[in-house]
Amino acid sequence: MGSTFHVTVPDAGWVERLADLDDVDLTVWDLESPQPERYVDIAVRPYTVAAAGLENLDPARVGLVQSQALGFDGVADVLPDGILYANAVGVHEASTAELAVALLLASQREVDRYVREAGQWNRRFTASLIDRRIMLLGHGGIGTEVEKRLDGFGAELVRVATRRREDERGVIHGTDELPTLLPTVDVVVLAVPLTDRTTGLVDDEFLSALPDGAIVVNVSRGKVADTDAIIRQAGRIRYATDVTDPEPLPADHPLWAVPGVLVSPHVGGMSSAMQPRIDAIVRNQVQRLLEGSEPDLVVVPQRIPGHEGRVSRGGDGARR
């Protein structure tokens, strides 16, 4: 395999930013063009959540694929045995939480309606976050960041996770309590991972349990919400979302025209905060592997026949 440590990056900008790495050969590869003939220790993917294309990788010539995204839906189903896949924990959570609050505020204060009424001066009273009950459905990385940003708005937070537990701030309810909790809240912020249990979670039954005028903010995955159910609830429930099903949302899709719906095109992590954080993750991976340690943030750990000395099983550094 030789002594040179090979890292591929999506574009030349990466080469410039990481040029100070010692003992590392940096080359550009977008994972769509032909795979390099030499062994690649770390291949940094372009910024995408899609799993398509990974099935074409040759595990004899790549050890670790480093994603720039937090989600890894479908990767385990297509990634060839013998390749590790790491996600980007700590890169997008804060920016996504920031957008969740922006969507919530814009929807609650009806900024989208004012934009559509450009040229008119239609003053009206709108709802505030003050004195509202806001459910944070999902208390992982994004959910906890949303919680931090909603402190100080004068709202009551109702935190919900898979199972009921307590922390220093009080009760975190379990999802089995949703039927009781939903009628009592004014806002639901969705920050759950996409799993078999959460696919279609926000359906007609879920939405019907919410009071009139409630807002659902979705910064998780489009498939967590039933798009047809959202359309059926038009005019009663408002929906502010950064993710859709299907995605991208076609220009002629009826969701665009539903009153009270606000859509952004899956840009939660696309802020100025992203690049320095993903650069730091790649630097950390390089350092760990050069030192002989396990890679960090591995979400799809596989055994690598014949390359145990380069990148092996996820080990202590693996996180899901």
C-alpha atoms as a PDB file:
ATOM      1  CA  MET A   1       0.000   0.000   0.000  1.00  0.00           C
ATOM      2  CA  GLY A   2       3.037   2.277   0.427  1.00  0.00           C
ATOM      3  CA  SER A   3       3.647   4.891   3.108  1.00  0.00           C
ATOM      4  CA  THR A   4       1.806   7.856   1.578  1.00  0.00           C
ATOM      5  CA  PHE A   5      -1.525   8.716   3.180  1.00  0.00           C
ATOM      6  CA  HIS A   6      -4.055   9.524   0.456  1.00  0.00           C
ATOM      7  CA  VAL A   7      -7.049  11.807   0.963  1.00  0.00           C
ATOM      8  CA  THR A   8      -9.441  12.806  -1.811  1.00  0.00           C
ATOM      9  CA  VAL A   9     -11.579  15.938  -1.586  1.00  0.00           C
ATOM     10  CA  PRO A  10     -14.515  17.193  -3.685  1.00  0.00           C
ATOM     11  CA  ASP A  11     -12.874  20.281  -5.206  1.00  0.00           C
ATOM     12  CA  ALA A  12      -9.703  22.336  -5.396  1.00  0.00           C
ATOM     13  CA  GLY A  13     -10.800  24.646  -2.586  1.00  0.00           C
ATOM     14  CA  TRP A  14     -10.306  21.789  -0.167  1.00  0.00           C
ATOM     15  CA  VAL A  15      -6.762  21.244  -1.409  1.00  0.00           C
ATOM     16  CA  GLU A  16      -5.924  24.863  -0.631  1.00  0.00           C
ATOM     17  CA  ARG A  17      -7.464  24.788   2.838  1.00  0.00           C
ATOM     18  CA  LEU A  18      -5.830  21.500   3.863  1.00  0.00           C
ATOM     19  CA  ALA A  19      -2.488  22.084   2.152  1.00  0.00           C
ATOM     20  CA  ASP A  20      -0.697  22.381   5.502  1.00  0.00           C
ATOM     21  CA  LEU A  21      -1.373  18.731   6.419  1.00  0.00           C
ATOM     22  CA  ASP A  22       1.931  16.917   6.669  1.00  0.00           C
ATOM     23  CA  ASP A  23       2.508  13.500   5.094  1.00  0.00           C
ATOM     24  CA  VAL A  24      -0.825  13.663   3.236  1.00  0.00           C
ATOM     25  CA  ASP A  25      -1.387  13.465  -0.507  1.00  0.00           C
ATOM     26  CA  LEU A  26      -4.456  15.549  -1.415  1.00  0.00           C
ATOM     27  CA  THR A  27      -6.210  15.054  -4.743  1.00  0.00           C
ATOM     28  CA  VAL A  28      -9.627  15.979  -6.110  1.00  0.00           C
ATOM     29  CA  TRP A  29     -12.218  13.218  -6.604  1.00  0.00           C
ATOM     30  CA  ASP A  30     -15.966  13.787  -6.577  1.00  0.00           C
ATOM     31  CA  LEU A  31     -16.862  10.079  -6.095  1.00  0.00           C
ATOM     32  CA  GLU A  32     -18.733  10.184  -9.417  1.00  0.00           C
ATOM     33  CA  SER A  33     -15.790  10.134 -11.808  1.00  0.00           C
ATOM     34  CA  PRO A  34     -13.699   6.931 -12.077  1.00  0.00           C
ATOM     35  CA  GLN A  35     -12.238   5.795  -8.776  1.00  0.00           C
ATOM     36  CA  PRO A  36      -8.485   6.365  -8.349  1.00  0.00           C
ATOM     37  CA  GLU A  37      -6.411   3.246  -8.921  1.00  0.00           C
ATOM     38  CA  ARG A  38      -4.421   3.753  -5.745  1.00  0.00           C
ATOM     39  CA  TYR A  39      -5.744   3.108  -2.260  1.00  0.00           C
ATOM     40  CA  VAL A  40      -7.596   6.108  -0.771  1.00  0.00           C
ATOM     41  CA  ASP A  41      -7.471   6.302   3.011  1.00  0.00           C
ATOM     42  CA  ILE A  42     -10.166   8.986   3.308  1.00  0.00           C
ATOM     43  CA  ALA A  43     -12.564  10.045   0.562  1.00  0.00           C
ATOM     44  CA  VAL A  44     -14.503  13.207   1.423  1.00  0.00           C
ATOM     45  CA  ARG A  45     -17.908  13.208  -0.286  1.00  0.00           C
ATOM     46  CA  PRO A  46     -19.502  16.270  -1.859  1.00  0.00           C
ATOM     47  CA  TYR A  47     -22.218  17.746   0.347  1.00  0.00           C
ATOM     48  CA  THR A  48     -25.173  15.410  -0.175  1.00  0.00           C
ATOM     49  CA  VAL A  49     -27.470  13.175   1.849  1.00  0.00           C
ATOM     50  CA  ALA A  50     -28.099  10.808  -1.067  1.00  0.00           C
ATOM     51  CA  ALA A  51     -26.833   7.232  -0.832  1.00  0.00           C
ATOM     52  CA  ALA A  52     -26.877   6.715  -4.598  1.00  0.00           C
ATOM     53  CA  GLY A  53     -23.477   6.092  -6.159  1.00  0.00           C
ATOM     54  CA  LEU A  54     -21.842   4.560  -3.110  1.00  0.00           C
ATOM     55  CA  GLU A  55     -22.646   1.075  -4.358  1.00  0.00           C
ATOM     56  CA  ASN A  56     -20.106   1.549  -7.158  1.00  0.00           C
ATOM     57  CA  LEU A  57     -17.128   1.999  -4.841  1.00  0.00           C
ATOM     58  CA  ASP A  58     -14.408  -0.658  -4.807  1.00  0.00           C
ATOM     59  CA  PRO A  59     -13.614  -1.486  -1.151  1.00  0.00           C
ATOM     60  CA  ALA A  60     -10.150  -2.681  -2.125  1.00  0.00           C
ATOM     61  CA  ARG A  61      -9.246   0.928  -2.951  1.00  0.00           C
ATOM     62  CA  VAL A  62     -10.990   3.056  -0.314  1.00  0.00           C
ATOM     63  CA  GLY A  63     -11.022   2.819   3.461  1.00  0.00           C
ATOM     64  CA  LEU A  64     -13.209   5.586   4.879  1.00  0.00           C
ATOM     65  CA  VAL A  65     -15.844   7.755   3.218  1.00  0.00           C
ATOM     66  CA  GLN A  66     -16.292  10.992   5.135  1.00  0.00           C
ATOM     67  CA  SER A  67     -19.686  12.574   4.603  1.00  0.00           C
ATOM     68  CA  GLN A  68     -20.311  16.292   4.987  1.00  0.00           C
ATOM     69  CA  ALA A  69     -23.899  15.597   6.055  1.00  0.00           C
ATOM     70  CA  LEU A  70     -25.401  14.526   9.362  1.00  0.00           C
ATOM     71  CA  GLY A  71     -27.971  12.158   7.854  1.00  0.00           C
ATOM     72  CA  PHE A  72     -27.006   8.846   6.290  1.00  0.00           C
ATOM     73  CA  ASP A  73     -30.353   7.458   5.155  1.00  0.00           C
ATOM     74  CA  GLY A  74     -29.936   4.331   3.042  1.00  0.00           C
ATOM     75  CA  VAL A  75     -26.126   4.254   3.184  1.00  0.00           C
ATOM     76  CA  ALA A  76     -25.948   0.929   4.996  1.00  0.00           C
ATOM     77  CA  ASP A  77     -28.123  -0.622   2.289  1.00  0.00           C
ATOM     78  CA  VAL A  78     -25.754   0.225  -0.580  1.00  0.00           C
ATOM     79  CA  LEU A  79     -22.264   0.738   0.832  1.00  0.00           C
ATOM     80  CA  PRO A  80     -20.039  -2.211  -0.166  1.00  0.00           C
ATOM     81  CA  ASP A  81     -18.783  -4.391   2.657  1.00  0.00           C
ATOM     82  CA  GLY A  82     -15.303  -3.294   3.615  1.00  0.00           C
ATOM     83  CA  ILE A  83     -15.818   0.490   3.618  1.00  0.00           C
ATOM     84  CA  LEU A  84     -16.416   2.686   6.645  1.00  0.00           C
ATOM     85  CA  TYR A  85     -18.773   5.660   6.485  1.00  0.00           C
ATOM     86  CA  ALA A  86     -18.570   8.617   8.874  1.00  0.00           C
ATOM     87  CA  ASN A  87     -21.089  11.412   9.173  1.00  0.00           C
ATOM     88  CA  ALA A  88     -20.648  15.052  10.206  1.00  0.00           C
ATOM     89  CA  VAL A  89     -21.735  15.267  13.824  1.00  0.00           C
ATOM     90  CA  GLY A  90     -21.262  18.781  15.177  1.00  0.00           C
ATOM     91  CA  VAL A  91     -21.305  20.489  11.788  1.00  0.00           C
ATOM     92  CA  HIS A  92     -24.964  21.184  11.041  1.00  0.00           C
ATOM     93  CA  GLU A  93     -26.945  20.926  14.271  1.00  0.00           C
ATOM     94  CA  ALA A  94     -26.584  24.555  15.367  1.00  0.00           C
ATOM     95  CA  SER A  95     -27.240  26.019  11.911  1.00  0.00           C
ATOM     96  CA  THR A  96     -30.252  23.758  11.414  1.00  0.00           C
ATOM     97  CA  ALA A  97     -31.630  24.782  14.794  1.00  0.00           C
ATOM     98  CA  GLU A  98     -31.122  28.413  13.798  1.00  0.00           C
ATOM     99  CA  LEU A  99     -33.180  27.867  10.645  1.00  0.00           C
ATOM    100  CA  ALA A 100     -35.865  26.018  12.628  1.00  0.00           C
ATOM    101  CA  VAL A 101     -36.315  29.091  14.816  1.00  0.00           C
ATOM    102  CA  ALA A 102     -36.292  31.356  11.747  1.00  0.00           C
ATOM    103  CA  LEU A 103     -39.024  29.276  10.083  1.00  0.00           C
ATOM    104  CA  LEU A 104     -41.027  29.225  13.292  1.00  0.00           C
ATOM    105  CA  LEU A 105     -40.832  32.979  13.788  1.00  0.00           C
ATOM    106  CA  ALA A 106     -41.593  33.735  10.150  1.00  0.00           C
ATOM    107  CA  SER A 107     -44.622  31.455  10.213  1.00  0.00           C
ATOM    108  CA  GLN A 108     -45.889  32.560  13.617  1.00  0.00           C
ATOM    109  CA  ARG A 109     -45.665  36.250  12.735  1.00  0.00           C
ATOM    110  CA  GLU A 110     -46.991  35.529   9.203  1.00  0.00           C
ATOM    111  CA  VAL A 111     -44.007  37.049   7.416  1.00  0.00           C
ATOM    112  CA  ASP A 112     -44.721  34.767   4.461  1.00  0.00           C
ATOM    113  CA  ARG A 113     -48.179  36.349   4.088  1.00  0.00           C
ATOM    114  CA  TYR A 114     -46.726  39.858   4.172  1.00  0.00           C
ATOM    115  CA  VAL A 115     -44.280  38.879   1.429  1.00  0.00           C
ATOM    116  CA  ARG A 116     -47.107  37.583  -0.739  1.00  0.00           C
ATOM    117  CA  GLU A 117     -48.992  40.847  -0.123  1.00  0.00           C
ATOM    118  CA  ALA A 118     -46.098  43.003  -1.346  1.00  0.00           C
ATOM    119  CA  GLY A 119     -47.296  46.495  -2.233  1.00  0.00           C
ATOM    120  CA  GLN A 120     -50.151  46.351   0.283  1.00  0.00           C
ATOM    121  CA  TRP A 121     -50.198  47.710   3.844  1.00  0.00           C
ATOM    122  CA  ASN A 122     -52.270  45.096   5.654  1.00  0.00           C
ATOM    123  CA  ARG A 123     -51.619  45.420   9.362  1.00  0.00           C
ATOM    124  CA  ARG A 124     -52.943  42.639  11.564  1.00  0.00           C
ATOM    125  CA  PHE A 125     -52.404  41.015  14.916  1.00  0.00           C
ATOM    126  CA  THR A 126     -50.413  37.783  14.722  1.00  0.00           C
ATOM    127  CA  ALA A 127     -49.485  35.104  17.217  1.00  0.00           C
ATOM    128  CA  SER A 128     -46.356  35.447  19.319  1.00  0.00           C
ATOM    129  CA  LEU A 129     -44.052  32.838  20.790  1.00  0.00           C
ATOM    130  CA  ILE A 130     -44.633  34.505  24.136  1.00  0.00           C
ATOM    131  CA  ASP A 131     -46.877  32.344  26.342  1.00  0.00           C
ATOM    132  CA  ARG A 132     -47.021  29.572  23.702  1.00  0.00           C
ATOM    133  CA  ARG A 133     -46.413  25.863  24.382  1.00  0.00           C
ATOM    134  CA  ILE A 134     -43.776  24.529  21.982  1.00  0.00           C
ATOM    135  CA  MET A 135     -43.152  20.823  21.592  1.00  0.00           C
ATOM    136  CA  LEU A 136     -39.623  19.791  20.663  1.00  0.00           C
ATOM    137  CA  LEU A 137     -40.161  16.372  19.136  1.00  0.00           C
ATOM    138  CA  GLY A 138     -36.691  14.837  19.080  1.00  0.00           C
ATOM    139  CA  HIS A 139     -34.087  15.620  21.705  1.00  0.00           C
ATOM    140  CA  GLY A 140     -30.861  14.683  19.950  1.00  0.00           C
ATOM    141  CA  GLY A 141     -28.254  17.032  18.518  1.00  0.00           C
ATOM    142  CA  ILE A 142     -30.623  19.318  16.603  1.00  0.00           C
ATOM    143  CA  GLY A 143     -33.374  19.205  19.225  1.00  0.00           C
ATOM    144  CA  THR A 144     -31.060  20.269  22.027  1.00  0.00           C
ATOM    145  CA  GLU A 145     -29.727  23.124  19.879  1.00  0.00           C
ATOM    146  CA  VAL A 146     -33.294  24.279  19.154  1.00  0.00           C
ATOM    147  CA  GLU A 147     -33.977  24.188  22.877  1.00  0.00           C
ATOM    148  CA  LYS A 148     -31.014  26.485  23.553  1.00  0.00           C
ATOM    149  CA  ARG A 149     -32.200  28.995  20.972  1.00  0.00           C
ATOM    150  CA  LEU A 150     -35.776  29.096  22.218  1.00  0.00           C
ATOM    151  CA  ASP A 151     -34.708  29.990  25.735  1.00  0.00           C
ATOM    152  CA  GLY A 152     -35.694  33.571  26.412  1.00  0.00           C
ATOM    153  CA  PHE A 153     -38.716  33.706  24.086  1.00  0.00           C
ATOM    154  CA  GLY A 154     -41.133  33.403  26.985  1.00  0.00           C
ATOM    155  CA  ALA A 155     -42.523  30.101  25.726  1.00  0.00           C
ATOM    156  CA  GLU A 156     -43.073  26.838  27.593  1.00  0.00           C
ATOM    157  CA  LEU A 157     -41.066  23.990  26.087  1.00  0.00           C
ATOM    158  CA  VAL A 158     -42.460  20.466  26.010  1.00  0.00           C
ATOM    159  CA  ARG A 159     -39.609  18.088  25.220  1.00  0.00           C
ATOM    160  CA  VAL A 160     -40.311  14.676  23.706  1.00  0.00           C
ATOM    161  CA  ALA A 161     -37.931  11.825  22.888  1.00  0.00           C
ATOM    162  CA  THR A 162     -38.255   8.108  22.267  1.00  0.00           C
ATOM    163  CA  ARG A 163     -38.565   7.285  25.953  1.00  0.00           C
ATOM    164  CA  ARG A 164     -39.525   9.272  29.042  1.00  0.00           C
ATOM    165  CA  ARG A 165     -36.678  10.415  31.249  1.00  0.00           C
ATOM    166  CA  GLU A 166     -35.509  13.385  33.297  1.00  0.00           C
ATOM    167  CA  ASP A 167     -32.512  15.682  33.111  1.00  0.00           C
ATOM    168  CA  GLU A 168     -31.389  18.758  35.010  1.00  0.00           C
ATOM    169  CA  ARG A 169     -34.133  20.811  33.312  1.00  0.00           C
ATOM    170  CA  GLY A 170     -36.991  18.472  34.106  1.00  0.00           C
ATOM    171  CA  VAL A 171     -39.053  15.894  32.247  1.00  0.00           C
ATOM    172  CA  ILE A 172     -38.423  14.702  28.712  1.00  0.00           C
ATOM    173  CA  HIS A 173     -41.623  12.961  27.681  1.00  0.00           C
ATOM    174  CA  GLY A 174     -41.776   9.719  25.725  1.00  0.00           C
ATOM    175  CA  THR A 175     -43.380   9.456  22.292  1.00  0.00           C
ATOM    176  CA  ASP A 176     -46.028   7.199  23.812  1.00  0.00           C
ATOM    177  CA  GLU A 177     -47.406  10.366  25.451  1.00  0.00           C
ATOM    178  CA  LEU A 178     -48.006  12.154  22.133  1.00  0.00           C
ATOM    179  CA  PRO A 179     -51.795  11.559  22.038  1.00  0.00           C
ATOM    180  CA  THR A 180     -52.123  13.365  25.363  1.00  0.00           C
ATOM    181  CA  LEU A 181     -49.604  16.106  24.660  1.00  0.00           C
ATOM    182  CA  LEU A 182     -50.477  17.151  21.097  1.00  0.00           C
ATOM    183  CA  PRO A 183     -53.838  18.799  21.942  1.00  0.00           C
ATOM    184  CA  THR A 184     -52.050  20.991  24.517  1.00  0.00           C
ATOM    185  CA  VAL A 185     -49.344  22.566  22.331  1.00  0.00           C
ATOM    186  CA  ASP A 186     -49.319  25.441  19.833  1.00  0.00           C
ATOM    187  CA  VAL A 187     -46.154  24.436  17.978  1.00  0.00           C
ATOM    188  CA  VAL A 188     -44.377  21.183  17.125  1.00  0.00           C
ATOM    189  CA  VAL A 189     -40.737  21.328  16.007  1.00  0.00           C
ATOM    190  CA  LEU A 190     -39.717  18.056  14.340  1.00  0.00           C
ATOM    191  CA  ALA A 191     -36.073  17.098  14.869  1.00  0.00           C
ATOM    192  CA  VAL A 192     -36.204  13.300  14.768  1.00  0.00           C
ATOM    193  CA  PRO A 193     -34.086  10.953  12.655  1.00  0.00           C
ATOM    194  CA  LEU A 194     -35.770   9.123   9.787  1.00  0.00           C
ATOM    195  CA  THR A 195     -36.453   5.560  10.908  1.00  0.00           C
ATOM    196  CA  ASP A 196     -39.174   2.997  10.360  1.00  0.00           C
ATOM    197  CA  ARG A 197     -40.891   4.381  13.460  1.00  0.00           C
ATOM    198  CA  THR A 198     -40.758   8.023  12.387  1.00  0.00           C
ATOM    199  CA  THR A 199     -41.621   7.608   8.686  1.00  0.00           C
ATOM    200  CA  GLY A 200     -45.091   9.083   8.247  1.00  0.00           C
ATOM    201  CA  LEU A 201     -45.250  10.035  11.930  1.00  0.00           C
ATOM    202  CA  VAL A 202     -47.001  13.322  11.142  1.00  0.00           C
ATOM    203  CA  ASP A 203     -50.152  11.917   9.570  1.00  0.00           C
ATOM    204  CA  ASP A 204     -53.828  12.845   9.681  1.00  0.00           C
ATOM    205  CA  GLU A 205     -54.214  11.453  13.197  1.00  0.00           C
ATOM    206  CA  PHE A 206     -51.211  13.430  14.455  1.00  0.00           C
ATOM    207  CA  LEU A 207     -52.354  16.676  12.819  1.00  0.00           C
ATOM    208  CA  SER A 208     -55.974  16.246  13.885  1.00  0.00           C
ATOM    209  CA  ALA A 209     -54.844  16.062  17.504  1.00  0.00           C
ATOM    210  CA  LEU A 210     -53.336  19.561  17.278  1.00  0.00           C
ATOM    211  CA  PRO A 211     -55.478  22.628  18.008  1.00  0.00           C
ATOM    212  CA  ASP A 212     -56.589  24.944  15.191  1.00  0.00           C
ATOM    213  CA  GLY A 213     -53.847  27.302  14.060  1.00  0.00           C
ATOM    214  CA  ALA A 214     -50.993  25.157  15.355  1.00  0.00           C
ATOM    215  CA  ILE A 215     -47.668  25.187  13.499  1.00  0.00           C
ATOM    216  CA  VAL A 216     -45.533  22.188  12.586  1.00  0.00           C
ATOM    217  CA  VAL A 217     -41.890  23.013  11.823  1.00  0.00           C
ATOM    218  CA  ASN A 218     -39.940  20.238  10.112  1.00  0.00           C
ATOM    219  CA  VAL A 219     -36.134  20.233  10.065  1.00  0.00           C
ATOM    220  CA  SER A 220     -35.754  16.454  10.198  1.00  0.00           C
ATOM    221  CA  ARG A 221     -36.643  14.626   6.971  1.00  0.00           C
ATOM    222  CA  GLY A 222     -39.462  15.099   4.502  1.00  0.00           C
ATOM    223  CA  LYS A 223     -40.757  11.548   4.923  1.00  0.00           C
ATOM    224  CA  VAL A 224     -41.398  12.140   8.626  1.00  0.00           C
ATOM    225  CA  ALA A 225     -44.491  14.061   7.527  1.00  0.00           C
ATOM    226  CA  ASP A 226     -47.216  12.763   5.227  1.00  0.00           C
ATOM    227  CA  THR A 227     -47.316  15.462   2.540  1.00  0.00           C
ATOM    228  CA  ASP A 228     -50.858  14.563   1.510  1.00  0.00           C
ATOM    229  CA  ALA A 229     -52.014  14.889   5.116  1.00  0.00           C
ATOM    230  CA  ILE A 230     -50.431  18.346   5.329  1.00  0.00           C
ATOM    231  CA  ILE A 231     -52.337  19.374   2.205  1.00  0.00           C
ATOM    232  CA  ARG A 232     -55.585  17.953   3.584  1.00  0.00           C
ATOM    233  CA  GLN A 233     -55.163  20.043   6.739  1.00  0.00           C
ATOM    234  CA  ALA A 234     -54.702  23.236   4.692  1.00  0.00           C
ATOM    235  CA  GLY A 235     -56.056  26.300   6.421  1.00  0.00           C
ATOM    236  CA  ARG A 236     -56.258  24.684   9.844  1.00  0.00           C
ATOM    237  CA  ILE A 237     -52.626  23.736  10.485  1.00  0.00           C
ATOM    238  CA  ARG A 238     -49.631  25.768   9.342  1.00  0.00           C
ATOM    239  CA  TYR A 239     -46.477  24.025   8.151  1.00  0.00           C
ATOM    240  CA  ALA A 240     -42.967  25.486   7.911  1.00  0.00           C
ATOM    241  CA  THR A 241     -40.421  23.064   6.530  1.00  0.00           C
ATOM    242  CA  ASP A 242     -36.859  22.795   5.286  1.00  0.00           C
ATOM    243  CA  VAL A 243     -37.425  19.246   4.010  1.00  0.00           C
ATOM    244  CA  THR A 244     -40.068  17.758   1.739  1.00  0.00           C
ATOM    245  CA  ASP A 245     -41.354  14.510   0.322  1.00  0.00           C
ATOM    246  CA  PRO A 246     -40.646  14.339  -2.573  1.00  0.00           C
ATOM    247  CA  GLU A 247     -37.374  16.236  -2.594  1.00  0.00           C
ATOM    248  CA  PRO A 248     -36.649  18.384  -4.490  1.00  0.00           C
ATOM    249  CA  LEU A 249     -40.256  19.510  -4.460  1.00  0.00           C
ATOM    250  CA  PRO A 250     -41.468  19.847  -8.085  1.00  0.00           C
ATOM    251  CA  ALA A 251     -42.464  23.342  -9.187  1.00  0.00           C
ATOM    252  CA  ASP A 252     -46.028  22.208  -9.865  1.00  0.00           C
ATOM    253  CA  HIS A 253     -46.472  20.353  -6.572  1.00  0.00           C
ATOM    254  CA  PRO A 254     -49.680  21.406  -4.759  1.00  0.00           C
ATOM    255  CA  LEU A 255     -47.805  21.940  -1.475  1.00  0.00           C
ATOM    256  CA  TRP A 256     -46.392  25.203  -2.859  1.00  0.00           C
ATOM    257  CA  ALA A 257     -49.897  26.683  -3.075  1.00  0.00           C
ATOM    258  CA  VAL A 258     -51.223  25.556   0.311  1.00  0.00           C
ATOM    259  CA  PRO A 259     -52.134  28.507   2.564  1.00  0.00           C
ATOM    260  CA  GLY A 260     -49.964  28.708   5.659  1.00  0.00           C
ATOM    261  CA  VAL A 261     -47.138  26.596   4.217  1.00  0.00           C
ATOM    262  CA  LEU A 262     -43.580  27.959   4.184  1.00  0.00           C
ATOM    263  CA  VAL A 263     -40.867  25.947   2.385  1.00  0.00           C
ATOM    264  CA  SER A 264     -37.095  26.353   2.270  1.00  0.00           C
ATOM    265  CA  PRO A 265     -35.059  24.016  -0.001  1.00  0.00           C
ATOM    266  CA  HIS A 266     -33.195  21.839   2.552  1.00  0.00           C
ATOM    267  CA  VAL A 267     -30.647  24.470   3.507  1.00  0.00           C
ATOM    268  CA  GLY A 268     -30.533  23.992   7.283  1.00  0.00           C
ATOM    269  CA  GLY A 269     -26.814  23.286   7.336  1.00  0.00           C
ATOM    270  CA  MET A 270     -25.861  25.579   4.476  1.00  0.00           C
ATOM    271  CA  SER A 271     -24.489  28.518   6.414  1.00  0.00           C
ATOM    272  CA  SER A 272     -21.135  30.202   6.871  1.00  0.00           C
ATOM    273  CA  ALA A 273     -20.605  27.992   9.924  1.00  0.00           C
ATOM    274  CA  MET A 274     -20.351  24.786   7.890  1.00  0.00           C
ATOM    275  CA  GLN A 275     -16.963  24.944   6.162  1.00  0.00           C
ATOM    276  CA  PRO A 276     -14.695  25.466   9.179  1.00  0.00           C
ATOM    277  CA  ARG A 277     -16.494  22.700  11.074  1.00  0.00           C
ATOM    278  CA  ILE A 278     -16.302  20.069   8.338  1.00  0.00           C
ATOM    279  CA  ASP A 279     -12.664  21.016   7.701  1.00  0.00           C
ATOM    280  CA  ALA A 280     -11.978  20.358  11.389  1.00  0.00           C
ATOM    281  CA  ILE A 281     -13.616  16.930  11.166  1.00  0.00           C
ATOM    282  CA  VAL A 282     -11.466  15.929   8.193  1.00  0.00           C
ATOM    283  CA  ARG A 283      -8.331  17.165   9.949  1.00  0.00           C
ATOM    284  CA  ASN A 284      -9.257  15.146  13.020  1.00  0.00           C
ATOM    285  CA  GLN A 285      -9.832  11.996  10.941  1.00  0.00           C
ATOM    286  CA  VAL A 286      -6.465  12.389   9.246  1.00  0.00           C
ATOM    287  CA  GLN A 287      -4.711  12.831  12.573  1.00  0.00           C
ATOM    288  CA  ARG A 288      -6.440   9.840  14.144  1.00  0.00           C
ATOM    289  CA  LEU A 289      -5.631   7.490  11.284  1.00  0.00           C
ATOM    290  CA  LEU A 290      -2.036   8.661  10.980  1.00  0.00           C
ATOM    291  CA  GLU A 291      -1.644   7.948  14.701  1.00  0.00           C
ATOM    292  CA  GLY A 292      -3.103   4.469  14.241  1.00  0.00           C
ATOM    293  CA  SER A 293      -6.352   5.254  16.075  1.00  0.00           C
ATOM    294  CA  GLU A 294      -9.840   4.348  14.948  1.00  0.00           C
ATOM    295  CA  PRO A 295     -11.745   6.930  12.880  1.00  0.00           C
ATOM    296  CA  ASP A 296     -14.364   9.002  14.642  1.00  0.00           C
ATOM    297  CA  LEU A 297     -18.083   9.416  13.890  1.00  0.00           C
ATOM    298  CA  VAL A 298     -18.411   6.088  12.075  1.00  0.00           C
ATOM    299  CA  VAL A 299     -22.094   5.333  11.454  1.00  0.00           C
ATOM    300  CA  VAL A 300     -21.709   2.392   9.060  1.00  0.00           C
ATOM    301  CA  PRO A 301     -18.870   0.261  10.448  1.00  0.00           C
ATOM    302  CA  GLN A 302     -17.716  -2.625   8.302  1.00  0.00           C
ATOM    303  CA  ARG A 303     -14.779  -4.945   8.381  1.00  0.00           C
ATOM    304  CA  ILE A 304     -12.088  -4.177   5.816  1.00  0.00           C
ATOM    305  CA  PRO A 305     -10.427  -7.412   4.660  1.00  0.00           C
ATOM    306  CA  GLY A 306      -6.717  -6.919   4.152  1.00  0.00           C
ATOM    307  CA  HIS A 307      -6.708  -3.323   5.394  1.00  0.00           C
ATOM    308  CA  GLU A 308      -7.053  -3.750   9.150  1.00  0.00           C
ATOM    309  CA  GLY A 309      -3.934  -1.676   9.688  1.00  0.00           C
ATOM    310  CA  ARG A 310      -5.360   1.348   7.877  1.00  0.00           C
ATOM    311  CA  VAL A 311      -9.007   1.597   8.859  1.00  0.00           C
ATOM    312  CA  SER A 312     -10.719  -1.085  10.870  1.00  0.00           C
ATOM    313  CA  ARG A 313     -13.907  -1.581  12.847  1.00  0.00           C
ATOM    314  CA  GLY A 314     -15.538   1.527  14.325  1.00  0.00           C
ATOM    315  CA  GLY A 315     -14.206   0.915  17.851  1.00  0.00           C
ATOM    316  CA  ASP A 316     -14.390   3.482  20.640  1.00  0.00           C
ATOM    317  CA  GLY A 317     -14.574   6.399  18.221  1.00  0.00           C
ATOM    318  CA  ALA A 318     -17.734   5.158  16.500  1.00  0.00           C
ATOM    319  CA  ARG A 319     -20.917   7.087  17.177  1.00  0.00           C
ATOM    320  CA  ARG A 320     -24.407   6.573  15.842  1.00  0.00           C
END
